[in-house]
Amino acid sequence: MTARSLLFAAGIASAWLASPAAAAPPDGVGQGIPGMQVHRIREPVYQSETYVYEAGRDKSRSIVLVHGLGDEGASSFYTIVPWLREHYHVVTFELPGFARATKANLAYSPTGYAMFVKYVVDKYVGQRPFVLLGHSMGGVIALRYAATFPAGIEKLVLVDTPGIVHRASFSSQFLTHLLSNYTRDYVPPVVNTQGKANGIAQQLVTRLEQFNLDPEIVHASPQLRTKVLGGNPLAIAGYGIVLEDFSNVLPSLKVPTLVIWGANDTLAPPRTGRFLATTIPGAQLAVIASAGHVPMIENPQAFRSTLEPFLNGEPVPAPAATPMRRHGNVRCQGKHNQVFEGEYEELILRQCDGAQIRNARIGMLRVFDSAITIDQSQIGGGEIGLHAHNATIVITGGIITGETAIYALNSRLDVAATRIRAGHSAMTAPVASSLIATMSEIESPRQRGALHGAFNVVPGKPL
């Protein structure tokens, strides 16, 4: 767990910096946004010097923008501030540790940053209601702020927000993507900066295993932050994302929420957006085509067309619903990246990596030697709902039912916001298998209630 968490955190920082999609405006990196009033402050949370930018002070409504990882800082909002300031008092800033702010070996975390945002809001927004928009790590901070200081938030907007699902989740896609983008400028000094991604990963794992410490201890200790994370604010802040637990937060949020996601985001996969929209009561999800992790820069017109109606209290554009087609019994053999939608009596997938099942109803699903995803689908209803053999399955939303809901042999399942209902056992594994659950529900004779954590299911000990 600890090694995985370190790779997750360090990778977030490096991949963000390596990504051309995170490019700053022409004026340069971390220089704020032209035309905004600049305030140089010393904030009380991290005792750092930083900068607050505001525009449109004469407007009656306020919007607060929270940036993500990277030294672009507040300048990552340069495409949206010009039109926002026409109707809003716009406030943004450099988070401590980024861009023009003081950089130090401090325990940067979403909780600490939420306290910093509260200081800025009290000082520059005051008592009037405001919209809170967070991008990337800024979305994690915005969630923590909304949970801790809900008063005054008129609306919440989360843009391509990483993490959130259980930190043990093997399906996050962060490790593969982020390690492949590791840049030498931000690799902690404990690793060989000329190494390949696998070499970097191995060195980080080896180093962390030598310490044999809990992630929280590493994050809290200045000495260990130096040894393990290089004392680098980006790695520390990314590590803080991993440690944040929202399992008791999301269902209790009562603020109108819009989740915006770039369709091609490989840093924060769209699965997380679907999970947020499923878990936050009343939340709406909008996916921006032709955009990755920074949709307000990559497709600014589509971003505005999505955000502006929500701010104005109008319906957010949604894709048209399509009728559910009936397919009967279907087999997939050796075909990759197939999409399955509609109603199936039985669906069998053999060596069909990349298969996507979405918005489906399937009486019996059998998956062999395949890595697939399932979104917002109903699986099962008979003796066995889902049969998995040498399979890796990522499930978001929906429900799995059966006398035995999941029958797994040497398989790995990652479920988020998913209900599992069983007459006998939720998951049986004749060959040891694993289940990682994020804010899901279970109903069986053995267990009832919330399901959140990592579970190894072995022969003779069903879940």
Protein backbone atom coordinates (compact mmCIF):
# COMPACT_ATOMS: atom_id res chain seq x y z
CA MET A 1 0.00 0.00 0.00
CA THR A 2 2.69 2.46 0.96
CA ALA A 3 4.74 1.89 -2.18
CA ARG A 4 1.68 2.20 -4.38
CA SER A 5 0.72 5.45 -2.66
CA LEU A 6 4.16 6.95 -3.22
CA LEU A 7 4.16 6.09 -6.92
CA PHE A 8 0.67 7.52 -7.25
CA ALA A 9 1.71 10.81 -5.64
CA ALA A 10 5.05 11.31 -7.28
CA GLY A 11 3.55 10.36 -10.60
CA ILE A 12 0.78 12.92 -10.35
CA ALA A 13 3.32 15.69 -9.98
CA SER A 14 5.63 14.57 -12.75
CA ALA A 15 3.00 13.71 -15.32
CA TRP A 16 1.27 17.02 -14.85
CA LEU A 17 4.51 18.85 -15.53
CA ALA A 18 5.33 16.65 -18.49
CA SER A 19 1.94 17.11 -20.10
CA PRO A 20 1.76 19.59 -22.98
CA ALA A 21 -1.94 20.00 -22.22
CA ALA A 22 -0.99 21.86 -19.05
CA ALA A 23 0.69 24.64 -21.02
CA ALA A 24 0.51 28.10 -19.48
CA PRO A 25 -0.63 31.22 -21.36
CA PRO A 26 1.83 33.04 -23.60
CA ASP A 27 2.79 35.53 -20.88
CA GLY A 28 4.65 32.75 -19.08
CA VAL A 29 4.31 30.27 -16.27
CA GLY A 30 2.99 31.29 -12.88
CA GLN A 31 2.61 35.01 -13.63
CA GLY A 32 -1.05 35.31 -12.81
CA ILE A 33 -3.61 36.55 -15.34
CA PRO A 34 -3.33 39.91 -17.14
CA GLY A 35 -5.94 42.46 -16.13
CA MET A 36 -6.52 41.10 -12.64
CA GLN A 37 -5.71 43.06 -9.51
CA VAL A 38 -2.78 41.47 -7.65
CA HIS A 39 -2.49 41.17 -3.85
CA ARG A 40 0.71 39.94 -2.28
CA ILE A 41 -0.11 38.31 1.05
CA ARG A 42 1.35 36.23 3.83
CA GLU A 43 -1.15 33.54 4.69
CA PRO A 44 -1.52 31.98 8.16
CA VAL A 45 -1.89 28.27 7.34
CA TYR A 46 1.54 27.49 5.89
CA GLN A 47 3.07 30.86 6.80
CA SER A 48 3.83 31.35 3.11
CA GLU A 49 4.04 34.38 0.90
CA THR A 50 1.70 34.09 -2.06
CA TYR A 51 -0.51 36.05 -4.44
CA VAL A 52 -4.25 36.57 -4.75
CA TYR A 53 -5.78 37.82 -8.00
CA GLU A 54 -9.22 39.35 -8.39
CA ALA A 55 -11.33 41.06 -11.01
CA GLY A 56 -14.88 42.38 -11.24
CA ARG A 57 -15.16 43.57 -7.66
CA ASP A 58 -18.26 45.57 -8.59
CA LYS A 59 -20.17 42.39 -9.45
CA SER A 60 -22.70 41.02 -6.96
CA ARG A 61 -21.81 37.34 -7.42
CA SER A 62 -18.41 35.78 -6.73
CA ILE A 63 -16.58 32.78 -8.11
CA VAL A 64 -13.44 31.31 -6.54
CA LEU A 65 -11.06 29.32 -8.78
CA VAL A 66 -8.68 26.75 -7.27
CA HIS A 67 -5.85 25.53 -9.49
CA GLY A 68 -4.20 22.12 -9.53
CA LEU A 69 -0.68 20.74 -9.41
CA GLY A 70 1.94 22.55 -11.45
CA ASP A 71 3.70 25.86 -11.55
CA GLU A 72 1.17 27.30 -13.99
CA GLY A 73 -0.81 28.03 -10.84
CA ALA A 74 -3.68 30.47 -11.30
CA SER A 75 -2.63 31.16 -14.89
CA SER A 76 -4.25 27.85 -15.88
CA PHE A 77 -7.57 29.76 -15.75
CA TYR A 78 -6.51 32.40 -18.29
CA THR A 79 -9.10 31.26 -20.86
CA ILE A 80 -12.13 31.56 -18.59
CA VAL A 81 -11.41 34.65 -16.46
CA PRO A 82 -12.10 37.16 -19.30
CA TRP A 83 -15.70 36.02 -19.72
CA LEU A 84 -16.31 35.20 -16.07
CA ARG A 85 -15.32 38.71 -14.98
CA GLU A 86 -18.13 40.17 -17.09
CA HIS A 87 -20.67 38.80 -14.62
CA TYR A 88 -18.71 37.68 -11.55
CA HIS A 89 -16.30 38.93 -8.97
CA VAL A 90 -13.49 36.48 -9.78
CA VAL A 91 -10.96 35.44 -7.12
CA THR A 92 -8.05 33.07 -7.67
CA PHE A 93 -4.58 32.62 -6.20
CA GLU A 94 -1.35 30.68 -6.12
CA LEU A 95 -1.58 27.79 -3.67
CA PRO A 96 1.34 27.71 -1.20
CA GLY A 97 4.13 25.64 -2.74
CA PHE A 98 3.28 26.50 -6.37
CA ALA A 99 4.03 29.12 -9.02
CA ARG A 100 5.03 32.43 -7.37
CA ALA A 101 4.19 31.28 -3.84
CA THR A 102 6.79 30.24 -1.28
CA LYS A 103 7.98 26.67 -1.85
CA ALA A 104 8.95 24.65 1.20
CA ASN A 105 9.11 21.13 2.61
CA LEU A 106 5.71 21.38 4.32
CA ALA A 107 2.85 18.92 4.76
CA TYR A 108 0.74 20.27 1.91
CA SER A 109 -2.65 18.56 1.84
CA PRO A 110 -6.22 19.16 0.63
CA THR A 111 -7.28 19.78 4.23
CA GLY A 112 -4.57 22.39 4.78
CA TYR A 113 -5.29 23.99 1.44
CA ALA A 114 -9.02 24.14 2.27
CA MET A 115 -8.09 26.17 5.35
CA PHE A 116 -6.00 28.46 3.14
CA VAL A 117 -8.95 28.90 0.75
CA LYS A 118 -11.16 29.75 3.74
CA TYR A 119 -8.72 32.49 4.71
CA VAL A 120 -8.82 33.93 1.18
CA VAL A 121 -12.62 33.68 0.96
CA ASP A 122 -13.09 35.46 4.29
CA LYS A 123 -10.68 38.22 3.27
CA TYR A 124 -11.72 38.82 -0.36
CA VAL A 125 -15.24 37.43 -0.76
CA GLY A 126 -16.68 38.07 2.66
CA GLN A 127 -20.18 36.96 3.54
CA ARG A 128 -21.71 36.85 0.08
CA PRO A 129 -22.46 33.46 -1.53
CA PHE A 130 -19.94 32.25 -4.09
CA VAL A 131 -19.34 29.53 -6.66
CA LEU A 132 -16.35 27.29 -5.91
CA LEU A 133 -14.56 25.79 -8.91
CA GLY A 134 -11.58 23.47 -8.57
CA HIS A 135 -9.47 21.92 -11.31
CA SER A 136 -7.40 18.75 -10.84
CA MET A 137 -5.99 18.84 -7.29
CA GLY A 138 -8.03 22.01 -6.91
CA GLY A 139 -11.13 19.85 -7.23
CA VAL A 140 -9.97 17.71 -4.32
CA ILE A 141 -9.40 20.89 -2.31
CA ALA A 142 -12.84 22.21 -3.31
CA LEU A 143 -14.45 18.98 -2.12
CA ARG A 144 -12.69 19.20 1.22
CA TYR A 145 -13.69 22.86 1.54
CA ALA A 146 -17.33 22.08 0.72
CA ALA A 147 -17.37 19.34 3.35
CA THR A 148 -15.67 21.46 6.03
CA PHE A 149 -17.04 24.95 5.33
CA PRO A 150 -20.35 24.46 3.49
CA ALA A 151 -21.81 27.85 4.47
CA GLY A 152 -21.71 30.37 1.67
CA ILE A 153 -21.12 27.97 -1.23
CA GLU A 154 -23.75 28.63 -3.88
CA LYS A 155 -22.54 26.03 -6.38
CA LEU A 156 -19.63 23.59 -6.72
CA VAL A 157 -17.78 22.78 -9.94
CA LEU A 158 -15.26 19.91 -10.10
CA VAL A 159 -13.02 19.69 -13.17
CA ASP A 160 -10.96 16.55 -13.91
CA THR A 161 -10.41 15.80 -10.24
CA PRO A 162 -7.90 12.97 -9.52
CA GLY A 163 -7.87 10.44 -6.71
CA ILE A 164 -11.17 10.18 -4.79
CA VAL A 165 -11.60 6.41 -5.31
CA HIS A 166 -10.02 4.09 -2.75
CA ARG A 167 -6.27 4.64 -2.72
CA ALA A 168 -5.59 0.92 -3.12
CA SER A 169 -7.42 0.97 -6.44
CA PHE A 170 -5.31 -0.79 -9.05
CA SER A 171 -7.59 0.63 -11.73
CA SER A 172 -6.78 4.29 -11.27
CA GLN A 173 -4.55 4.21 -14.36
CA PHE A 174 -2.29 6.72 -12.64
CA LEU A 175 0.68 4.41 -12.18
CA THR A 176 1.04 3.35 -15.79
CA HIS A 177 0.44 6.79 -17.24
CA LEU A 178 2.28 8.85 -14.71
CA LEU A 179 5.42 6.78 -14.44
CA SER A 180 5.73 6.80 -18.21
CA ASN A 181 5.76 10.60 -18.06
CA TYR A 182 8.17 10.98 -15.16
CA THR A 183 10.43 14.00 -15.72
CA ARG A 184 13.90 14.33 -14.28
CA ASP A 185 13.30 17.89 -13.07
CA TYR A 186 10.85 16.66 -10.44
CA VAL A 187 12.01 13.15 -9.64
CA PRO A 188 12.98 12.93 -5.96
CA PRO A 189 16.76 12.70 -5.54
CA VAL A 190 16.52 9.13 -4.21
CA VAL A 191 16.04 7.83 -7.75
CA ASN A 192 18.16 7.65 -10.85
CA THR A 193 16.79 10.44 -13.01
CA GLN A 194 18.04 8.82 -16.20
CA GLY A 195 16.22 5.54 -15.54
CA LYS A 196 13.25 4.22 -17.43
CA ALA A 197 9.82 4.26 -15.83
CA ASN A 198 10.13 0.72 -14.55
CA GLY A 199 13.52 1.48 -13.04
CA ILE A 200 12.17 4.58 -11.31
CA ALA A 201 9.21 2.63 -9.99
CA GLN A 202 11.44 -0.12 -8.64
CA GLN A 203 13.78 2.33 -6.93
CA LEU A 204 10.87 4.16 -5.32
CA VAL A 205 9.33 0.92 -4.16
CA THR A 206 12.65 -0.29 -2.77
CA ARG A 207 13.28 2.98 -0.96
CA LEU A 208 9.83 3.04 0.61
CA GLU A 209 9.98 -0.60 1.62
CA GLN A 210 13.22 0.17 3.46
CA PHE A 211 11.36 2.68 5.61
CA ASN A 212 8.38 0.35 6.17
CA LEU A 213 6.27 3.30 7.33
CA ASP A 214 2.65 4.25 6.98
CA PRO A 215 1.91 6.92 4.36
CA GLU A 216 0.61 9.29 7.02
CA ILE A 217 3.93 9.14 8.87
CA VAL A 218 5.88 9.95 5.72
CA HIS A 219 3.64 12.92 4.99
CA ALA A 220 3.83 14.27 8.54
CA SER A 221 7.61 14.05 9.01
CA PRO A 222 9.89 16.75 7.49
CA GLN A 223 12.81 14.32 7.51
CA LEU A 224 10.88 11.55 5.75
CA ARG A 225 9.37 14.00 3.27
CA THR A 226 12.93 14.91 2.35
CA LYS A 227 14.16 11.32 2.10
CA VAL A 228 11.14 9.84 0.38
CA LEU A 229 9.58 12.75 -1.55
CA GLY A 230 12.65 14.92 -2.06
CA GLY A 231 11.02 17.69 -0.05
CA ASN A 232 9.30 18.69 -3.28
CA PRO A 233 5.96 20.53 -2.88
CA LEU A 234 4.47 18.82 -5.95
CA ALA A 235 5.26 15.34 -4.71
CA ILE A 236 4.14 16.22 -1.18
CA ALA A 237 0.85 17.73 -2.35
CA GLY A 238 0.23 14.75 -4.64
CA TYR A 239 0.92 12.44 -1.73
CA GLY A 240 -1.62 14.42 0.28
CA ILE A 241 -4.27 13.65 -2.34
CA VAL A 242 -3.68 9.93 -1.80
CA LEU A 243 -4.21 10.26 1.95
CA GLU A 244 -7.50 12.15 1.69
CA ASP A 245 -10.55 10.00 2.47
CA PHE A 246 -13.92 11.15 1.12
CA SER A 247 -15.87 7.98 1.90
CA ASN A 248 -18.06 9.76 4.47
CA VAL A 249 -18.18 13.09 2.65
CA LEU A 250 -19.57 12.78 -0.87
CA PRO A 251 -23.07 11.43 -0.08
CA SER A 252 -23.62 14.22 2.45
CA LEU A 253 -22.84 17.16 0.17
CA LYS A 254 -25.89 19.35 -0.32
CA VAL A 255 -24.58 21.95 -2.76
CA PRO A 256 -25.58 21.91 -6.46
CA THR A 257 -22.62 20.28 -8.20
CA LEU A 258 -21.38 20.09 -11.76
CA VAL A 259 -18.66 17.58 -12.66
CA ILE A 260 -16.76 18.47 -15.86
CA TRP A 261 -14.37 16.02 -17.48
CA GLY A 262 -12.17 15.91 -20.55
CA ALA A 263 -13.14 12.85 -22.58
CA ASN A 264 -9.50 12.03 -23.31
CA ASP A 265 -8.09 12.57 -19.81
CA THR A 266 -5.55 9.85 -19.02
CA LEU A 267 -4.25 11.48 -15.84
CA ALA A 268 -7.62 11.58 -14.06
CA PRO A 269 -9.66 8.96 -15.96
CA PRO A 270 -13.31 9.77 -16.75
CA ARG A 271 -14.27 6.88 -14.49
CA THR A 272 -13.62 9.16 -11.52
CA GLY A 273 -16.00 11.74 -12.96
CA ARG A 274 -18.72 9.14 -13.35
CA PHE A 275 -18.12 8.02 -9.79
CA LEU A 276 -18.41 11.58 -8.45
CA ALA A 277 -21.60 12.22 -10.39
CA THR A 278 -23.08 8.97 -9.09
CA THR A 279 -22.12 9.57 -5.47
CA ILE A 280 -22.76 13.29 -4.91
CA PRO A 281 -26.53 13.79 -4.56
CA GLY A 282 -28.00 15.56 -7.59
CA ALA A 283 -24.63 16.07 -9.29
CA GLN A 284 -24.52 16.51 -13.05
CA LEU A 285 -21.74 15.15 -15.28
CA ALA A 286 -20.61 16.84 -18.48
CA VAL A 287 -17.89 15.32 -20.68
CA ILE A 288 -15.94 17.66 -22.95
CA ALA A 289 -15.01 16.14 -26.31
CA SER A 290 -11.55 16.74 -27.79
CA ALA A 291 -10.11 17.57 -24.38
CA GLY A 292 -7.88 15.87 -21.87
CA HIS A 293 -6.93 16.88 -18.34
CA VAL A 294 -7.20 20.65 -18.90
CA PRO A 295 -10.46 21.14 -20.84
CA MET A 296 -10.69 24.88 -20.21
CA ILE A 297 -7.48 25.28 -22.24
CA GLU A 298 -7.85 22.40 -24.69
CA ASN A 299 -11.46 23.14 -25.68
CA PRO A 300 -12.35 26.52 -24.17
CA GLN A 301 -15.53 27.12 -26.16
CA ALA A 302 -17.03 23.76 -25.20
CA PHE A 303 -15.97 24.36 -21.61
CA ARG A 304 -17.77 27.70 -21.53
CA SER A 305 -20.85 26.22 -23.20
CA THR A 306 -20.93 23.63 -20.41
CA LEU A 307 -20.14 25.83 -17.41
CA GLU A 308 -22.14 28.95 -18.26
CA PRO A 309 -25.62 27.34 -18.24
CA PHE A 310 -24.90 25.76 -14.86
CA LEU A 311 -23.83 29.12 -13.42
CA ASN A 312 -26.98 30.72 -14.81
CA GLY A 313 -29.28 28.05 -13.37
CA GLU A 314 -30.08 26.57 -16.78
CA PRO A 315 -29.99 22.87 -17.69
CA VAL A 316 -26.54 21.59 -18.59
CA PRO A 317 -26.48 20.12 -22.13
CA ALA A 318 -26.81 16.34 -21.92
CA PRO A 319 -26.45 13.63 -24.56
CA ALA A 320 -29.70 12.31 -25.95
CA ALA A 321 -30.91 9.06 -24.43
CA THR A 322 -30.93 6.04 -26.72
CA PRO A 323 -33.38 3.12 -26.46
CA MET A 324 -31.99 -0.12 -25.04
CA ARG A 325 -31.59 -2.74 -27.77
CA ARG A 326 -32.02 -6.46 -27.12
CA HIS A 327 -29.17 -8.73 -28.19
CA GLY A 328 -29.94 -12.14 -26.65
CA ASN A 329 -26.85 -14.34 -26.16
CA VAL A 330 -23.57 -12.83 -27.38
CA ARG A 331 -19.99 -14.14 -27.41
CA CYS A 332 -16.78 -12.16 -27.92
CA GLN A 333 -13.63 -14.13 -28.77
CA GLY A 334 -10.26 -12.44 -29.20
CA LYS A 335 -11.62 -9.01 -30.16
CA HIS A 336 -10.28 -5.94 -28.40
CA ASN A 337 -11.93 -2.63 -27.46
CA GLN A 338 -15.47 -3.76 -28.17
CA VAL A 339 -18.43 -1.79 -26.75
CA PHE A 340 -21.51 -3.56 -25.38
CA GLU A 341 -24.70 -1.63 -24.64
CA GLY A 342 -28.30 -2.73 -24.29
CA GLU A 343 -29.90 -5.90 -22.97
CA TYR A 344 -28.27 -9.35 -23.03
CA GLU A 345 -29.49 -12.68 -21.71
CA GLU A 346 -25.88 -13.87 -21.54
CA LEU A 347 -22.63 -12.17 -22.52
CA ILE A 348 -19.37 -14.16 -22.72
CA LEU A 349 -16.02 -12.41 -23.20
CA ARG A 350 -12.89 -14.46 -23.92
CA GLN A 351 -9.58 -12.66 -24.48
CA CYS A 352 -11.45 -9.43 -25.19
CA ASP A 353 -9.20 -6.84 -23.55
CA GLY A 354 -10.51 -3.29 -23.50
CA ALA A 355 -14.16 -4.30 -23.71
CA GLN A 356 -16.53 -1.64 -22.40
CA ILE A 357 -19.92 -2.57 -21.02
CA ARG A 358 -22.07 0.48 -20.38
CA ASN A 359 -25.72 1.17 -19.68
CA ALA A 360 -26.47 -2.52 -20.07
CA ARG A 361 -28.68 -5.16 -18.51
CA ILE A 362 -27.07 -8.60 -18.56
CA GLY A 363 -28.64 -11.73 -17.11
CA MET A 364 -25.29 -13.56 -16.87
CA LEU A 365 -21.83 -12.16 -17.57
CA ARG A 366 -18.80 -14.44 -18.03
CA VAL A 367 -15.34 -12.90 -18.43
CA PHE A 368 -12.24 -15.00 -19.24
CA ASP A 369 -8.66 -13.76 -19.68
CA SER A 370 -9.78 -10.18 -20.26
CA ALA A 371 -9.40 -6.70 -18.78
CA ILE A 372 -12.70 -4.82 -19.11
CA THR A 373 -14.76 -1.95 -17.70
CA ILE A 374 -18.43 -1.90 -16.72
CA ASP A 375 -20.33 1.37 -16.25
CA GLN A 376 -23.86 1.98 -14.96
CA SER A 377 -25.06 -1.54 -15.73
CA GLN A 378 -27.24 -4.22 -14.12
CA ILE A 379 -25.59 -7.62 -13.98
CA GLY A 380 -27.15 -10.90 -12.90
CA GLY A 381 -30.36 -12.01 -11.31
CA GLY A 382 -29.90 -15.80 -11.37
CA GLU A 383 -27.58 -18.30 -9.72
CA ILE A 384 -24.40 -16.36 -10.59
CA GLY A 385 -24.32 -12.74 -11.72
CA LEU A 386 -20.70 -12.24 -12.75
CA HIS A 387 -18.25 -15.08 -13.47
CA ALA A 388 -14.63 -13.86 -13.70
CA HIS A 389 -11.70 -16.12 -14.61
CA ASN A 390 -8.21 -14.61 -14.93
CA ALA A 391 -9.92 -11.26 -15.37
CA THR A 392 -9.42 -7.66 -14.37
CA ILE A 393 -12.74 -5.83 -14.10
CA VAL A 394 -13.38 -2.18 -13.24
CA ILE A 395 -17.00 -1.44 -12.32
CA THR A 396 -18.52 1.99 -11.73
CA GLY A 397 -22.12 2.41 -10.65
CA GLY A 398 -24.87 -0.13 -11.26
CA ILE A 399 -25.72 -3.34 -9.46
CA ILE A 400 -24.59 -6.99 -9.42
CA THR A 401 -27.05 -9.59 -8.16
CA GLY A 402 -27.32 -13.37 -7.82
CA GLU A 403 -27.37 -16.17 -5.30
CA THR A 404 -23.62 -15.76 -5.70
CA ALA A 405 -23.23 -12.25 -7.08
CA ILE A 406 -19.55 -12.64 -8.10
CA TYR A 407 -17.78 -15.94 -8.77
CA ALA A 408 -14.06 -15.23 -9.23
CA LEU A 409 -11.00 -17.31 -10.06
CA ASN A 410 -7.64 -15.55 -10.01
CA SER A 411 -9.31 -12.25 -10.80
CA ARG A 412 -9.14 -8.66 -9.67
CA LEU A 413 -12.22 -6.49 -9.33
CA ASP A 414 -12.42 -2.78 -8.61
CA VAL A 415 -15.92 -1.51 -7.83
CA ALA A 416 -17.00 2.06 -7.09
CA ALA A 417 -20.49 3.28 -6.18
CA THR A 418 -21.75 -0.22 -6.97
CA ARG A 419 -24.39 -2.29 -5.19
CA ILE A 420 -23.78 -6.01 -4.67
CA ARG A 421 -26.81 -8.08 -3.64
CA ALA A 422 -26.61 -11.81 -3.01
CA GLY A 423 -28.87 -14.51 -1.66
CA HIS A 424 -25.90 -16.59 -0.49
CA SER A 425 -22.55 -14.83 -0.94
CA ALA A 426 -21.50 -11.54 -2.46
CA MET A 427 -18.23 -12.96 -3.77
CA THR A 428 -16.91 -16.51 -3.84
CA ALA A 429 -13.39 -17.34 -4.99
CA PRO A 430 -12.42 -20.99 -5.63
CA VAL A 431 -9.05 -19.49 -6.66
CA ALA A 432 -7.85 -16.51 -4.60
CA SER A 433 -9.03 -13.18 -6.00
CA SER A 434 -9.15 -9.56 -4.86
CA LEU A 435 -11.82 -6.89 -4.57
CA ILE A 436 -11.24 -3.19 -4.05
CA ALA A 437 -14.41 -1.29 -3.18
CA THR A 438 -15.00 2.46 -3.06
CA MET A 439 -18.17 3.68 -1.41
CA SER A 440 -20.18 0.69 -2.54
CA GLU A 441 -22.96 -1.29 -0.87
CA ILE A 442 -23.28 -4.95 -0.02
CA GLU A 443 -26.36 -6.97 0.93
CA SER A 444 -25.90 -10.65 1.71
CA PRO A 445 -26.49 -13.05 4.63
CA ARG A 446 -22.85 -12.49 5.66
CA GLN A 447 -22.62 -8.73 5.41
CA ARG A 448 -24.87 -5.75 4.98
CA GLY A 449 -24.09 -2.06 4.60
CA ALA A 450 -21.25 0.04 3.24
CA LEU A 451 -18.40 -1.66 1.39
CA HIS A 452 -15.18 0.34 1.29
CA GLY A 453 -11.70 -1.14 1.35
CA ALA A 454 -9.42 -3.80 -0.09
CA PHE A 455 -10.37 -7.45 0.32
CA ASN A 456 -8.60 -10.72 -0.49
CA VAL A 457 -11.16 -13.44 -1.07
CA VAL A 458 -9.81 -16.98 -0.74
CA PRO A 459 -11.29 -20.49 -1.09
CA GLY A 460 -13.68 -21.36 1.71
CA LYS A 461 -14.00 -17.74 2.89
CA PRO A 462 -16.55 -15.95 0.72
CA LEU A 463 -17.41 -12.30 1.16
